[in-house]
Amino acid sequence: MGARVIAVVNQKGGAGKTTVAMLLAGALGEAGHRVLVADADPQNTARHWAGQGVGFPAEVEDYSGEEGKLHKRLRKRLDEFDYVVIDSPPAASAPVTGSALRLAHLALVPIVPSPLDIWASARIREAIEAARMKNPELHARIVLNQLQPHTLMSREVIALLPEFGIPLLSASLRSRTVYRECAAGGTTVSALGSRARMAQMELDFLRRRVLALLRRLGNH
């Protein structure tokens, strides 16, 4: 059985695609899985993240030039890995985003809980629906990122999410300085030790929820 493919996608820049992709990939790698991060964003932020340190527990490679051929390139490598995480560019209509969704089993859509971010993300829902014409096995979940759960704004935005048309993953990432430290140091949350304990627990729950969802989808 080849790798399960997770595409991290959104129309809006700043939603945290690379943060979600790299934190999740790092957690999967540390759990003993063979993981490839396909950096399909021309900014190559995922590669810069991994390049800041040594020993990142997933392979991170540049696929930003593949455009609409990304799914064909990655399909040839699925037997090498347990999971492939695609970090896509902030463009729902880009050929590389459509190609990523054509291959993916699961699309994760990071959204910062603000009305502007939800409105700006509407086009990615259309891209996911279009991709299902050729990839009916594609499922999608919203991942709340930079969450501040006790604010009125967060509660109001979360109440709006059912209208978005994509189910909400039952795990989120809060607004934490340690996640930015991981990017700056090219490392994972666990490498930051005991001071990042809450972030480690949060990320472990995200990893377990994603794996449970993929297992359930695989049984359908």
Protein backbone atom coordinates (compact mmCIF):
# COMPACT_ATOMS: atom_id res chain seq x y z
CA MET A 1 0.00 0.00 0.00
CA GLY A 2 1.41 3.40 -0.98
CA ALA A 3 1.66 6.51 1.12
CA ARG A 4 -1.38 8.38 2.31
CA VAL A 5 -1.28 11.90 0.90
CA ILE A 6 -2.21 15.01 2.86
CA ALA A 7 -2.46 18.31 0.95
CA VAL A 8 -2.37 21.46 3.06
CA VAL A 9 -4.18 24.09 1.02
CA ASN A 10 -5.78 27.51 1.20
CA GLN A 11 -6.36 30.51 -1.01
CA LYS A 12 -5.12 32.98 1.57
CA GLY A 13 -1.51 33.62 2.50
CA GLY A 14 -0.74 33.79 6.21
CA ALA A 15 -3.23 31.08 7.14
CA GLY A 16 -0.43 28.82 8.36
CA LYS A 17 -0.16 26.20 5.63
CA THR A 18 3.56 25.67 6.10
CA THR A 19 3.24 25.70 9.88
CA VAL A 20 0.58 22.98 9.82
CA ALA A 21 2.41 20.98 7.15
CA MET A 22 5.80 21.04 8.87
CA LEU A 23 4.56 20.52 12.42
CA LEU A 24 2.42 17.59 11.31
CA ALA A 25 5.16 16.08 9.15
CA GLY A 26 7.68 16.42 11.97
CA ALA A 27 5.33 14.76 14.44
CA LEU A 28 4.66 11.90 12.02
CA GLY A 29 8.38 11.45 11.42
CA GLU A 30 9.15 11.40 15.13
CA ALA A 31 6.47 8.74 15.57
CA GLY A 32 8.53 6.47 13.31
CA HIS A 33 6.80 7.00 9.97
CA ARG A 34 8.56 7.62 6.66
CA VAL A 35 7.45 11.11 5.65
CA LEU A 36 8.01 13.30 2.61
CA VAL A 37 7.13 16.98 2.61
CA ALA A 38 6.57 18.07 -1.00
CA ASP A 39 7.19 21.82 -0.97
CA ALA A 40 5.00 22.98 -3.85
CA ASP A 41 5.05 26.66 -2.87
CA PRO A 42 7.45 28.79 -4.99
CA GLN A 43 8.50 30.59 -1.79
CA ASN A 44 9.92 27.25 -0.58
CA THR A 45 9.14 28.09 3.04
CA ALA A 46 9.08 24.43 4.06
CA ARG A 47 12.56 23.88 2.65
CA HIS A 48 13.82 27.01 4.40
CA TRP A 49 12.32 25.70 7.66
CA ALA A 50 14.08 22.34 7.38
CA GLY A 51 17.29 24.04 6.28
CA GLN A 52 17.56 26.13 9.45
CA GLY A 53 18.54 23.11 11.52
CA VAL A 54 19.80 19.55 11.21
CA GLY A 55 18.02 16.25 11.44
CA PHE A 56 14.46 17.27 10.64
CA PRO A 57 12.58 13.93 10.87
CA ALA A 58 11.03 14.10 7.39
CA GLU A 59 12.42 14.53 3.91
CA VAL A 60 11.62 17.98 2.54
CA GLU A 61 11.97 18.41 -1.23
CA ASP A 62 11.22 21.15 -3.75
CA TYR A 63 8.29 20.40 -6.05
CA SER A 64 7.35 24.00 -6.77
CA GLY A 65 8.18 23.73 -10.48
CA GLU A 66 5.90 20.79 -11.19
CA GLU A 67 2.72 22.83 -11.74
CA GLY A 68 -0.02 20.51 -13.03
CA LYS A 69 2.31 17.49 -13.11
CA LEU A 70 2.80 17.31 -9.35
CA HIS A 71 0.46 14.36 -8.88
CA LYS A 72 2.25 12.37 -11.59
CA ARG A 73 5.68 13.00 -10.05
CA LEU A 74 4.59 12.14 -6.54
CA ARG A 75 2.60 9.07 -7.56
CA LYS A 76 5.88 7.44 -8.61
CA ARG A 77 7.25 7.85 -5.08
CA LEU A 78 4.33 6.75 -2.93
CA ASP A 79 5.85 3.35 -2.20
CA GLU A 80 8.88 5.03 -0.61
CA PHE A 81 6.90 6.67 2.20
CA ASP A 82 4.09 6.15 4.68
CA TYR A 83 2.85 9.74 4.38
CA VAL A 84 3.33 12.54 1.88
CA VAL A 85 2.46 16.05 3.08
CA ILE A 86 2.09 18.65 0.33
CA ASP A 87 2.65 22.30 1.25
CA SER A 88 0.80 24.18 -1.48
CA PRO A 89 0.99 27.84 -2.60
CA PRO A 90 -1.63 30.40 -1.51
CA ALA A 91 -3.58 30.11 -4.74
CA ALA A 92 -6.66 27.94 -5.11
CA SER A 93 -6.65 28.19 -8.91
CA ALA A 94 -2.96 27.41 -9.38
CA PRO A 95 -2.32 24.25 -11.44
CA VAL A 96 -0.07 22.87 -8.69
CA THR A 97 -2.87 23.18 -6.12
CA GLY A 98 -5.30 21.33 -8.38
CA SER A 99 -2.65 18.69 -9.01
CA ALA A 100 -2.05 18.25 -5.27
CA LEU A 101 -5.77 17.82 -4.64
CA ARG A 102 -6.01 15.32 -7.47
CA LEU A 103 -3.61 13.01 -5.60
CA ALA A 104 -4.54 13.70 -1.98
CA HIS A 105 -6.60 11.50 0.29
CA LEU A 106 -7.08 14.37 2.73
CA ALA A 107 -7.02 18.14 2.25
CA LEU A 108 -6.35 20.17 5.38
CA VAL A 109 -7.46 23.80 5.15
CA PRO A 110 -5.82 25.96 7.84
CA ILE A 111 -7.93 28.96 8.73
CA VAL A 112 -7.16 31.74 11.18
CA PRO A 113 -10.45 32.40 13.00
CA SER A 114 -11.41 35.79 11.62
CA PRO A 115 -14.21 36.73 9.21
CA LEU A 116 -11.74 38.07 6.64
CA ASP A 117 -9.85 34.78 6.58
CA ILE A 118 -13.03 32.76 6.12
CA TRP A 119 -14.23 34.95 3.26
CA ALA A 120 -10.82 34.81 1.57
CA SER A 121 -10.78 31.00 1.88
CA ALA A 122 -14.03 30.41 0.01
CA ARG A 123 -12.28 29.67 -3.30
CA ILE A 124 -10.39 26.71 -1.87
CA ARG A 125 -13.72 25.01 -1.23
CA GLU A 126 -14.52 25.38 -4.92
CA ALA A 127 -11.11 23.93 -5.84
CA ILE A 128 -11.70 20.93 -3.59
CA GLU A 129 -15.12 20.32 -5.10
CA ALA A 130 -13.65 20.53 -8.60
CA ALA A 131 -10.85 18.10 -7.69
CA ARG A 132 -13.38 15.51 -6.52
CA MET A 133 -14.51 15.10 -10.12
CA LYS A 134 -11.23 13.25 -10.79
CA ASN A 135 -10.44 12.22 -7.22
CA PRO A 136 -13.66 11.08 -5.54
CA GLU A 137 -11.68 9.73 -2.57
CA LEU A 138 -10.64 13.26 -1.57
CA HIS A 139 -11.89 14.40 1.81
CA ALA A 140 -11.31 17.76 3.48
CA ARG A 141 -11.20 19.24 6.96
CA ILE A 142 -10.72 22.76 8.30
CA VAL A 143 -7.91 23.17 10.83
CA LEU A 144 -8.22 26.22 13.04
CA ASN A 145 -4.79 27.82 13.37
CA GLN A 146 -3.53 30.59 15.66
CA LEU A 147 -6.65 29.97 17.73
CA GLN A 148 -7.40 32.17 20.73
CA PRO A 149 -10.31 30.14 22.08
CA HIS A 150 -11.58 32.47 24.78
CA THR A 151 -12.11 35.53 22.60
CA LEU A 152 -15.49 36.64 21.34
CA MET A 153 -14.11 36.82 17.79
CA SER A 154 -13.05 33.16 17.84
CA ARG A 155 -16.41 32.01 19.16
CA GLU A 156 -18.30 34.02 16.54
CA VAL A 157 -16.14 32.72 13.69
CA ILE A 158 -16.40 29.11 14.84
CA ALA A 159 -20.17 29.52 14.85
CA LEU A 160 -19.97 30.53 11.17
CA LEU A 161 -17.91 27.52 10.06
CA PRO A 162 -20.83 25.15 9.36
CA GLU A 163 -21.79 27.50 6.51
CA PHE A 164 -18.34 27.09 4.96
CA GLY A 165 -19.15 23.62 3.66
CA ILE A 166 -16.06 21.77 4.93
CA PRO A 167 -16.16 19.88 8.24
CA LEU A 168 -14.03 21.08 11.13
CA LEU A 169 -11.23 18.80 12.34
CA SER A 170 -11.60 18.12 16.06
CA ALA A 171 -8.07 19.39 16.71
CA SER A 172 -6.59 22.86 16.35
CA LEU A 173 -3.40 24.82 16.89
CA ARG A 174 -3.41 27.78 19.23
CA SER A 175 -1.40 30.95 18.81
CA ARG A 176 1.93 29.95 20.38
CA THR A 177 5.39 31.48 20.19
CA VAL A 178 7.00 28.03 20.21
CA TYR A 179 5.60 27.26 16.75
CA ARG A 180 7.44 30.27 15.36
CA GLU A 181 10.55 29.15 17.22
CA CYS A 182 10.33 25.79 15.45
CA ALA A 183 10.39 27.51 12.06
CA ALA A 184 13.29 29.76 13.06
CA GLY A 185 15.32 26.84 14.38
CA GLY A 186 14.40 24.31 11.71
CA THR A 187 13.13 21.87 14.27
CA THR A 188 10.08 20.21 15.82
CA VAL A 189 8.05 21.03 18.91
CA SER A 190 9.43 18.09 20.86
CA ALA A 191 12.98 19.41 20.37
CA LEU A 192 12.08 22.45 22.48
CA GLY A 193 11.75 20.34 25.60
CA SER A 194 9.57 20.78 28.65
CA ARG A 195 8.81 24.46 28.05
CA ALA A 196 6.80 23.42 24.98
CA ARG A 197 4.82 20.73 26.78
CA MET A 198 1.40 22.22 26.04
CA ALA A 199 2.28 22.63 22.36
CA GLN A 200 3.54 19.04 22.27
CA MET A 201 0.24 17.77 23.66
CA GLU A 202 -1.72 19.93 21.21
CA LEU A 203 0.28 18.71 18.23
CA ASP A 204 0.15 15.08 19.31
CA PHE A 205 -3.64 15.33 19.47
CA LEU A 206 -3.66 16.85 15.95
CA ARG A 207 -1.47 14.01 14.67
CA ARG A 208 -3.67 11.35 16.24
CA ARG A 209 -6.88 12.91 14.91
CA VAL A 210 -5.46 13.10 11.36
CA LEU A 211 -4.29 9.46 11.50
CA ALA A 212 -7.62 8.28 12.88
CA LEU A 213 -9.44 10.12 10.09
CA LEU A 214 -7.19 8.61 7.42
CA ARG A 215 -7.73 5.12 8.83
CA ARG A 216 -11.48 5.63 8.83
CA LEU A 217 -11.47 6.95 5.29
CA GLY A 218 -9.34 4.01 4.18
CA ASN A 219 -11.96 1.58 5.45
CA HIS A 220 -14.72 3.11 3.32
